[in-house]
Amino acid sequence: MTSNKGRYDWYQTESHVVISVLLKNVKEDDVKIEFVPEKFTCSIKLHEGDYYDLQLELPHEIVPLQSSWRLLSSKVEIKLKKAEGIRWTDLEKAKETVKVKQIPQAYPSSARHQKDWDKLVVDIKKDEETDKPEGEAALNDLFQKIYADGSDEVKKAMNKSFMESGGTVLSTNWQEVGSKNVEIKPPDGMEWKKWD
């Protein structure tokens, strides 16, 4: 005997259609589900000896081997793996189906000509890569290049002079800084103070 007790809901993600058959306290042995590319059947034995049957002709193909189901206390959750990542307008096949392709959304604009914002982002990234740094950024790039390309003595001199001078002196000459302590030399017009 077949019963229509219980109802189902569904929603979808980009990759799956998820159906929830809302029935409480169902046993796993009482659930029979079959997946085929364009069809889905579910039969659940109820406590009174009745059956809840759900058979759907699907509007789009699914991947049976990647589809699954699980039993929860208040429902049976069925995940149908979409064969194509398209949006389903309905869960059941209509007489004529139309595939809806997602079109990138255009930004509203009062301009006469539409801008391709994705292309603009790519162009900006290219410009940023080819731009030469200026000011302090250029100086930092230069010091990093000198340090990276320098010998062990150059690296030791740069590290020692920078650390001992509190960041006020940067020397690449190990002969000059290797044998003595590097003095703090603040910029012109500034005075070095030690904080307690």
C-alpha atoms as a PDB file:
ATOM      1  CA  MET A   1       0.000   0.000   0.000  1.00  0.00           C
ATOM      2  CA  THR A   2       1.352   3.424  -0.954  1.00  0.00           C
ATOM      3  CA  SER A   3       0.933   6.505   1.182  1.00  0.00           C
ATOM      4  CA  ASN A   4       1.749  10.133   0.583  1.00  0.00           C
ATOM      5  CA  LYS A   5       2.342  10.903   4.254  1.00  0.00           C
ATOM      6  CA  GLY A   6       5.347  13.128   4.550  1.00  0.00           C
ATOM      7  CA  ARG A   7       6.461  15.836   2.191  1.00  0.00           C
ATOM      8  CA  TYR A   8       9.676  16.904   0.573  1.00  0.00           C
ATOM      9  CA  ASP A   9      11.606  20.120   0.040  1.00  0.00           C
ATOM     10  CA  TRP A  10      14.541  20.780  -2.237  1.00  0.00           C
ATOM     11  CA  TYR A  11      17.265  23.303  -2.883  1.00  0.00           C
ATOM     12  CA  GLN A  12      20.349  23.411  -5.068  1.00  0.00           C
ATOM     13  CA  THR A  13      23.975  24.449  -5.073  1.00  0.00           C
ATOM     14  CA  GLU A  14      26.226  24.845  -8.105  1.00  0.00           C
ATOM     15  CA  SER A  15      27.080  21.147  -8.011  1.00  0.00           C
ATOM     16  CA  HIS A  16      24.158  19.358  -6.281  1.00  0.00           C
ATOM     17  CA  VAL A  17      20.398  19.212  -5.900  1.00  0.00           C
ATOM     18  CA  VAL A  18      19.451  18.342  -2.316  1.00  0.00           C
ATOM     19  CA  ILE A  19      16.053  16.769  -1.573  1.00  0.00           C
ATOM     20  CA  SER A  20      14.783  16.402   1.996  1.00  0.00           C
ATOM     21  CA  VAL A  21      11.989  13.866   2.538  1.00  0.00           C
ATOM     22  CA  LEU A  22      10.472  14.974   5.840  1.00  0.00           C
ATOM     23  CA  LEU A  23       9.686  11.765   7.747  1.00  0.00           C
ATOM     24  CA  LYS A  24      10.578  11.045  11.378  1.00  0.00           C
ATOM     25  CA  ASN A  25      12.094   7.909  12.902  1.00  0.00           C
ATOM     26  CA  VAL A  26      12.764   6.030   9.670  1.00  0.00           C
ATOM     27  CA  LYS A  27      15.022   2.972   9.794  1.00  0.00           C
ATOM     28  CA  GLU A  28      17.878   2.637   7.306  1.00  0.00           C
ATOM     29  CA  ASP A  29      16.721  -0.842   6.242  1.00  0.00           C
ATOM     30  CA  ASP A  30      13.341   0.624   5.244  1.00  0.00           C
ATOM     31  CA  VAL A  31      14.830   3.088   2.712  1.00  0.00           C
ATOM     32  CA  LYS A  32      15.354   2.116  -0.952  1.00  0.00           C
ATOM     33  CA  ILE A  33      16.782   4.766  -3.271  1.00  0.00           C
ATOM     34  CA  GLU A  34      17.809   4.370  -6.891  1.00  0.00           C
ATOM     35  CA  PHE A  35      19.741   6.903  -8.967  1.00  0.00           C
ATOM     36  CA  VAL A  36      19.809   6.820 -12.783  1.00  0.00           C
ATOM     37  CA  PRO A  37      20.991   9.693 -15.030  1.00  0.00           C
ATOM     38  CA  GLU A  38      17.548  11.238 -15.671  1.00  0.00           C
ATOM     39  CA  LYS A  39      15.425   9.603 -12.975  1.00  0.00           C
ATOM     40  CA  PHE A  40      15.315   9.252  -9.232  1.00  0.00           C
ATOM     41  CA  THR A  41      13.180   6.881  -7.130  1.00  0.00           C
ATOM     42  CA  CYS A  42      12.746   6.707  -3.389  1.00  0.00           C
ATOM     43  CA  SER A  43      10.639   4.185  -1.475  1.00  0.00           C
ATOM     44  CA  ILE A  44      10.394   4.335   2.324  1.00  0.00           C
ATOM     45  CA  LYS A  45       8.555   1.745   4.413  1.00  0.00           C
ATOM     46  CA  LEU A  46       6.508   3.431   7.127  1.00  0.00           C
ATOM     47  CA  HIS A  47       5.586   2.043  10.566  1.00  0.00           C
ATOM     48  CA  GLU A  48       1.984   1.181   9.624  1.00  0.00           C
ATOM     49  CA  GLY A  49       3.080  -1.047   6.720  1.00  0.00           C
ATOM     50  CA  ASP A  50       2.480   1.734   4.213  1.00  0.00           C
ATOM     51  CA  TYR A  51       5.119   3.054   1.821  1.00  0.00           C
ATOM     52  CA  TYR A  52       6.128   6.575   0.935  1.00  0.00           C
ATOM     53  CA  ASP A  53       7.083   6.619  -2.758  1.00  0.00           C
ATOM     54  CA  LEU A  54       8.716   9.478  -4.610  1.00  0.00           C
ATOM     55  CA  GLN A  55       9.551   9.042  -8.303  1.00  0.00           C
ATOM     56  CA  LEU A  56      10.846  11.968 -10.316  1.00  0.00           C
ATOM     57  CA  GLU A  57      11.708  12.373 -13.990  1.00  0.00           C
ATOM     58  CA  LEU A  58      14.540  14.892 -13.663  1.00  0.00           C
ATOM     59  CA  PRO A  59      14.863  17.913 -15.974  1.00  0.00           C
ATOM     60  CA  HIS A  60      18.641  17.441 -16.299  1.00  0.00           C
ATOM     61  CA  GLU A  61      21.064  14.544 -15.956  1.00  0.00           C
ATOM     62  CA  ILE A  62      22.705  13.563 -12.690  1.00  0.00           C
ATOM     63  CA  VAL A  63      25.807  11.485 -11.959  1.00  0.00           C
ATOM     64  CA  PRO A  64      24.456   8.377 -10.165  1.00  0.00           C
ATOM     65  CA  LEU A  65      27.818   7.216  -8.751  1.00  0.00           C
ATOM     66  CA  GLN A  66      28.420  10.610  -7.128  1.00  0.00           C
ATOM     67  CA  SER A  67      24.886  10.924  -5.735  1.00  0.00           C
ATOM     68  CA  SER A  68      24.159   9.847  -2.158  1.00  0.00           C
ATOM     69  CA  TRP A  69      21.693   9.860   0.708  1.00  0.00           C
ATOM     70  CA  ARG A  70      21.799   9.901   4.487  1.00  0.00           C
ATOM     71  CA  LEU A  71      19.306   9.269   7.254  1.00  0.00           C
ATOM     72  CA  LEU A  72      18.653  11.904   9.928  1.00  0.00           C
ATOM     73  CA  SER A  73      16.171  11.764  12.822  1.00  0.00           C
ATOM     74  CA  SER A  74      13.619  14.004  11.097  1.00  0.00           C
ATOM     75  CA  LYS A  75      14.301  13.408   7.401  1.00  0.00           C
ATOM     76  CA  VAL A  76      16.015  11.486   4.638  1.00  0.00           C
ATOM     77  CA  GLU A  77      18.482  13.790   2.846  1.00  0.00           C
ATOM     78  CA  ILE A  78      19.253  12.924  -0.773  1.00  0.00           C
ATOM     79  CA  LYS A  79      22.081  14.623  -2.720  1.00  0.00           C
ATOM     80  CA  LEU A  80      21.891  14.421  -6.509  1.00  0.00           C
ATOM     81  CA  LYS A  81      25.184  15.301  -8.225  1.00  0.00           C
ATOM     82  CA  LYS A  82      24.507  17.536 -11.248  1.00  0.00           C
ATOM     83  CA  ALA A  83      26.111  16.358 -14.499  1.00  0.00           C
ATOM     84  CA  GLU A  84      26.320  20.019 -15.601  1.00  0.00           C
ATOM     85  CA  GLY A  85      26.739  23.043 -13.359  1.00  0.00           C
ATOM     86  CA  ILE A  86      23.553  24.744 -14.538  1.00  0.00           C
ATOM     87  CA  ARG A  87      20.693  26.124 -12.466  1.00  0.00           C
ATOM     88  CA  TRP A  88      17.597  23.934 -12.388  1.00  0.00           C
ATOM     89  CA  THR A  89      14.339  25.863 -12.617  1.00  0.00           C
ATOM     90  CA  ASP A  90      12.325  22.856 -11.461  1.00  0.00           C
ATOM     91  CA  LEU A  91      12.861  19.442  -9.882  1.00  0.00           C
ATOM     92  CA  GLU A  92      10.674  17.574 -12.362  1.00  0.00           C
ATOM     93  CA  LYS A  93      11.039  17.380 -16.133  1.00  0.00           C
ATOM     94  CA  ALA A  94       8.640  19.602 -18.050  1.00  0.00           C
ATOM     95  CA  LYS A  95       7.468  18.852 -21.579  1.00  0.00           C
ATOM     96  CA  GLU A  96       9.996  21.349 -22.959  1.00  0.00           C
ATOM     97  CA  THR A  97      13.091  22.274 -20.995  1.00  0.00           C
ATOM     98  CA  VAL A  98      15.267  25.275 -21.640  1.00  0.00           C
ATOM     99  CA  LYS A  99      18.835  25.384 -20.363  1.00  0.00           C
ATOM    100  CA  VAL A 100      19.528  28.640 -18.597  1.00  0.00           C
ATOM    101  CA  LYS A 101      23.105  29.770 -18.968  1.00  0.00           C
ATOM    102  CA  GLN A 102      24.432  32.172 -16.395  1.00  0.00           C
ATOM    103  CA  ILE A 103      25.397  35.474 -17.963  1.00  0.00           C
ATOM    104  CA  PRO A 104      27.856  37.671 -16.084  1.00  0.00           C
ATOM    105  CA  GLN A 105      25.959  40.479 -14.454  1.00  0.00           C
ATOM    106  CA  ALA A 106      26.620  43.909 -15.883  1.00  0.00           C
ATOM    107  CA  TYR A 107      26.964  46.824 -13.505  1.00  0.00           C
ATOM    108  CA  PRO A 108      24.279  49.475 -13.954  1.00  0.00           C
ATOM    109  CA  SER A 109      25.656  52.534 -15.662  1.00  0.00           C
ATOM    110  CA  SER A 110      24.452  55.720 -17.313  1.00  0.00           C
ATOM    111  CA  ALA A 111      27.366  55.592 -19.764  1.00  0.00           C
ATOM    112  CA  ARG A 112      26.613  55.062 -23.449  1.00  0.00           C
ATOM    113  CA  HIS A 113      29.224  52.335 -23.788  1.00  0.00           C
ATOM    114  CA  GLN A 114      29.479  49.360 -21.427  1.00  0.00           C
ATOM    115  CA  LYS A 115      32.803  48.715 -19.722  1.00  0.00           C
ATOM    116  CA  ASP A 116      34.308  45.284 -19.358  1.00  0.00           C
ATOM    117  CA  TRP A 117      35.218  45.534 -15.682  1.00  0.00           C
ATOM    118  CA  ASP A 118      37.030  42.181 -15.626  1.00  0.00           C
ATOM    119  CA  LYS A 119      39.341  43.379 -18.425  1.00  0.00           C
ATOM    120  CA  LEU A 120      39.894  46.643 -16.544  1.00  0.00           C
ATOM    121  CA  VAL A 121      41.002  44.709 -13.421  1.00  0.00           C
ATOM    122  CA  VAL A 122      43.475  42.683 -15.520  1.00  0.00           C
ATOM    123  CA  ASP A 123      44.826  45.890 -17.109  1.00  0.00           C
ATOM    124  CA  ILE A 124      45.313  47.520 -13.691  1.00  0.00           C
ATOM    125  CA  LYS A 125      47.209  44.462 -12.404  1.00  0.00           C
ATOM    126  CA  LYS A 126      49.495  44.586 -15.468  1.00  0.00           C
ATOM    127  CA  ASP A 127      50.151  48.297 -14.872  1.00  0.00           C
ATOM    128  CA  GLU A 128      50.984  47.645 -11.214  1.00  0.00           C
ATOM    129  CA  GLU A 129      53.492  44.951 -12.225  1.00  0.00           C
ATOM    130  CA  THR A 130      55.254  47.210 -14.745  1.00  0.00           C
ATOM    131  CA  ASP A 131      55.236  50.368 -12.570  1.00  0.00           C
ATOM    132  CA  LYS A 132      58.600  51.326 -11.136  1.00  0.00           C
ATOM    133  CA  PRO A 133      58.551  52.098  -7.419  1.00  0.00           C
ATOM    134  CA  GLU A 134      59.341  55.652  -6.371  1.00  0.00           C
ATOM    135  CA  GLY A 135      60.723  57.322  -3.252  1.00  0.00           C
ATOM    136  CA  GLU A 136      61.104  55.148  -0.160  1.00  0.00           C
ATOM    137  CA  ALA A 137      59.750  52.052  -1.957  1.00  0.00           C
ATOM    138  CA  ALA A 138      62.448  52.398  -4.634  1.00  0.00           C
ATOM    139  CA  LEU A 139      65.116  52.787  -1.935  1.00  0.00           C
ATOM    140  CA  ASN A 140      63.895  49.678  -0.098  1.00  0.00           C
ATOM    141  CA  ASP A 141      63.881  47.723  -3.374  1.00  0.00           C
ATOM    142  CA  LEU A 142      67.462  48.845  -4.025  1.00  0.00           C
ATOM    143  CA  PHE A 143      68.633  47.747  -0.535  1.00  0.00           C
ATOM    144  CA  GLN A 144      66.880  44.387  -0.925  1.00  0.00           C
ATOM    145  CA  LYS A 145      68.567  43.849  -4.294  1.00  0.00           C
ATOM    146  CA  ILE A 146      72.003  44.778  -2.891  1.00  0.00           C
ATOM    147  CA  TYR A 147      71.483  42.403   0.040  1.00  0.00           C
ATOM    148  CA  ALA A 148      70.213  39.545  -2.156  1.00  0.00           C
ATOM    149  CA  ASP A 149      73.029  39.895  -4.697  1.00  0.00           C
ATOM    150  CA  GLY A 150      75.767  40.681  -2.142  1.00  0.00           C
ATOM    151  CA  SER A 151      78.502  38.407  -0.822  1.00  0.00           C
ATOM    152  CA  ASP A 152      78.520  37.077   2.742  1.00  0.00           C
ATOM    153  CA  GLU A 153      80.735  40.016   3.779  1.00  0.00           C
ATOM    154  CA  VAL A 154      78.293  42.550   2.309  1.00  0.00           C
ATOM    155  CA  LYS A 155      75.386  40.875   4.141  1.00  0.00           C
ATOM    156  CA  LYS A 156      77.332  40.800   7.433  1.00  0.00           C
ATOM    157  CA  ALA A 157      78.263  44.489   7.033  1.00  0.00           C
ATOM    158  CA  MET A 158      74.671  45.500   6.285  1.00  0.00           C
ATOM    159  CA  ASN A 159      73.298  43.537   9.246  1.00  0.00           C
ATOM    160  CA  LYS A 160      75.963  44.748  11.724  1.00  0.00           C
ATOM    161  CA  SER A 161      75.780  48.411  10.706  1.00  0.00           C
ATOM    162  CA  PHE A 162      71.985  48.481  10.730  1.00  0.00           C
ATOM    163  CA  MET A 163      71.632  46.731  14.126  1.00  0.00           C
ATOM    164  CA  GLU A 164      74.396  48.624  15.973  1.00  0.00           C
ATOM    165  CA  SER A 165      73.305  52.038  14.669  1.00  0.00           C
ATOM    166  CA  GLY A 166      69.643  51.515  15.523  1.00  0.00           C
ATOM    167  CA  GLY A 167      68.724  51.639  11.848  1.00  0.00           C
ATOM    168  CA  THR A 168      70.492  54.943  11.124  1.00  0.00           C
ATOM    169  CA  VAL A 169      73.507  53.540   9.226  1.00  0.00           C
ATOM    170  CA  LEU A 170      73.601  50.942   6.454  1.00  0.00           C
ATOM    171  CA  SER A 171      77.050  49.999   5.199  1.00  0.00           C
ATOM    172  CA  THR A 172      78.147  47.344   2.709  1.00  0.00           C
ATOM    173  CA  ASN A 173      81.855  47.660   3.619  1.00  0.00           C
ATOM    174  CA  TRP A 174      82.871  44.885   6.031  1.00  0.00           C
ATOM    175  CA  GLN A 175      86.443  46.257   6.268  1.00  0.00           C
ATOM    176  CA  GLU A 176      85.025  49.499   7.692  1.00  0.00           C
ATOM    177  CA  VAL A 177      82.391  48.131  10.120  1.00  0.00           C
ATOM    178  CA  GLY A 178      83.782  44.689  10.992  1.00  0.00           C
ATOM    179  CA  SER A 179      86.442  45.788  13.482  1.00  0.00           C
ATOM    180  CA  LYS A 180      84.642  48.582  15.341  1.00  0.00           C
ATOM    181  CA  ASN A 181      81.288  49.489  16.808  1.00  0.00           C
ATOM    182  CA  VAL A 182      79.007  51.424  14.417  1.00  0.00           C
ATOM    183  CA  GLU A 183      77.875  54.754  15.874  1.00  0.00           C
ATOM    184  CA  ILE A 184      74.309  56.001  15.773  1.00  0.00           C
ATOM    185  CA  LYS A 185      73.976  58.804  13.195  1.00  0.00           C
ATOM    186  CA  PRO A 186      70.496  60.356  13.220  1.00  0.00           C
ATOM    187  CA  PRO A 187      69.405  62.386  10.158  1.00  0.00           C
ATOM    188  CA  ASP A 188      70.323  66.095  10.046  1.00  0.00           C
ATOM    189  CA  GLY A 189      68.238  68.199  12.393  1.00  0.00           C
ATOM    190  CA  MET A 190      67.293  65.205  14.567  1.00  0.00           C
ATOM    191  CA  GLU A 191      68.617  64.061  17.912  1.00  0.00           C
ATOM    192  CA  TRP A 192      68.984  60.462  19.159  1.00  0.00           C
ATOM    193  CA  LYS A 193      67.399  59.756  22.542  1.00  0.00           C
ATOM    194  CA  LYS A 194      67.446  56.525  24.459  1.00  0.00           C
ATOM    195  CA  TRP A 195      64.135  55.550  25.983  1.00  0.00           C
ATOM    196  CA  ASP A 196      64.115  54.193  29.531  1.00  0.00           C
END
